[in-house]
Amino acid sequence: MQHEAIAVDLVDRIPLCLLTTALHYKQKPDDPRVWMELSIEERKILQQALGIDSVASRD
């Protein structure tokens, strides 16, 4: 039950598109297509949250 509460709390605080992109990034961290559906601002927010420098530096 505790995991469900955490998931519900995250969905309330993080837009679903950012959560989906974070999951896709964790599955395929070397695939730059993961970031294409987000605006630059959203990418920066998510990259900071995930603790990565930037997509460009991974190429």
C-alpha atoms as a PDB file:
ATOM      1  CA  MET A   1       0.000   0.000   0.000  1.00  0.00           C
ATOM      2  CA  GLN A   2       2.840   2.429   0.702  1.00  0.00           C
ATOM      3  CA  HIS A   3       4.062   2.257  -2.910  1.00  0.00           C
ATOM      4  CA  GLU A   4       0.587   3.078  -4.177  1.00  0.00           C
ATOM      5  CA  ALA A   5       0.446   6.161  -1.958  1.00  0.00           C
ATOM      6  CA  ILE A   6       3.817   7.326  -3.265  1.00  0.00           C
ATOM      7  CA  ALA A   7       2.711   6.785  -6.873  1.00  0.00           C
ATOM      8  CA  VAL A   8      -0.508   8.726  -6.322  1.00  0.00           C
ATOM      9  CA  ASP A   9       1.451  11.554  -4.688  1.00  0.00           C
ATOM     10  CA  LEU A  10       3.866  11.713  -7.641  1.00  0.00           C
ATOM     11  CA  VAL A  11       1.058  11.785 -10.177  1.00  0.00           C
ATOM     12  CA  ASP A  12      -0.528  14.649  -8.271  1.00  0.00           C
ATOM     13  CA  ARG A  13       2.704  16.659  -8.335  1.00  0.00           C
ATOM     14  CA  ILE A  14       4.352  15.714 -11.643  1.00  0.00           C
ATOM     15  CA  PRO A  15       2.605  16.140 -14.990  1.00  0.00           C
ATOM     16  CA  LEU A  16       1.952  12.771 -16.573  1.00  0.00           C
ATOM     17  CA  CYS A  17       4.047  13.606 -19.648  1.00  0.00           C
ATOM     18  CA  LEU A  18       7.116  14.176 -17.455  1.00  0.00           C
ATOM     19  CA  LEU A  19       6.529  10.970 -15.538  1.00  0.00           C
ATOM     20  CA  THR A  20       6.124   9.001 -18.779  1.00  0.00           C
ATOM     21  CA  THR A  21       9.296  10.502 -20.230  1.00  0.00           C
ATOM     22  CA  ALA A  22      11.209   9.714 -17.028  1.00  0.00           C
ATOM     23  CA  LEU A  23      10.140   6.077 -17.283  1.00  0.00           C
ATOM     24  CA  HIS A  24      11.138   5.905 -20.958  1.00  0.00           C
ATOM     25  CA  TYR A  25      14.500   7.492 -20.148  1.00  0.00           C
ATOM     26  CA  LYS A  26      15.168   4.934 -17.409  1.00  0.00           C
ATOM     27  CA  GLN A  27      14.361   2.133 -19.888  1.00  0.00           C
ATOM     28  CA  LYS A  28      16.468   3.565 -22.746  1.00  0.00           C
ATOM     29  CA  PRO A  29      18.895   6.202 -21.437  1.00  0.00           C
ATOM     30  CA  ASP A  30      20.867   6.364 -24.705  1.00  0.00           C
ATOM     31  CA  ASP A  31      17.837   7.016 -26.930  1.00  0.00           C
ATOM     32  CA  PRO A  32      17.518  10.776 -27.628  1.00  0.00           C
ATOM     33  CA  ARG A  33      14.011  10.265 -29.053  1.00  0.00           C
ATOM     34  CA  VAL A  34      12.775   9.955 -25.464  1.00  0.00           C
ATOM     35  CA  TRP A  35      13.018  13.753 -25.093  1.00  0.00           C
ATOM     36  CA  MET A  36      11.370  14.816 -28.363  1.00  0.00           C
ATOM     37  CA  GLU A  37       7.830  15.267 -27.041  1.00  0.00           C
ATOM     38  CA  LEU A  38       8.865  17.675 -24.282  1.00  0.00           C
ATOM     39  CA  SER A  39       9.466  21.401 -24.586  1.00  0.00           C
ATOM     40  CA  ILE A  40      12.956  22.659 -23.778  1.00  0.00           C
ATOM     41  CA  GLU A  41      11.731  23.960 -20.430  1.00  0.00           C
ATOM     42  CA  GLU A  42      10.213  20.583 -19.534  1.00  0.00           C
ATOM     43  CA  ARG A  43      13.412  18.805 -20.588  1.00  0.00           C
ATOM     44  CA  LYS A  44      15.498  21.001 -18.297  1.00  0.00           C
ATOM     45  CA  ILE A  45      13.176  20.392 -15.349  1.00  0.00           C
ATOM     46  CA  LEU A  46      13.158  16.635 -15.888  1.00  0.00           C
ATOM     47  CA  GLN A  47      16.898  16.415 -16.492  1.00  0.00           C
ATOM     48  CA  GLN A  48      17.515  18.269 -13.241  1.00  0.00           C
ATOM     49  CA  ALA A  49      15.092  15.971 -11.406  1.00  0.00           C
ATOM     50  CA  LEU A  50      16.820  12.889 -12.845  1.00  0.00           C
ATOM     51  CA  GLY A  51      20.280  14.265 -12.093  1.00  0.00           C
ATOM     52  CA  ILE A  52      21.594  14.332 -15.658  1.00  0.00           C
ATOM     53  CA  ASP A  53      23.503  17.173 -17.314  1.00  0.00           C
ATOM     54  CA  SER A  54      21.710  17.446 -20.643  1.00  0.00           C
ATOM     55  CA  VAL A  55      20.674  15.383 -23.622  1.00  0.00           C
ATOM     56  CA  ALA A  56      23.245  17.112 -25.858  1.00  0.00           C
ATOM     57  CA  SER A  57      26.133  16.104 -23.607  1.00  0.00           C
ATOM     58  CA  ARG A  58      25.195  12.432 -23.932  1.00  0.00           C
ATOM     59  CA  ASP A  59      25.761  12.406 -27.722  1.00  0.00           C
END
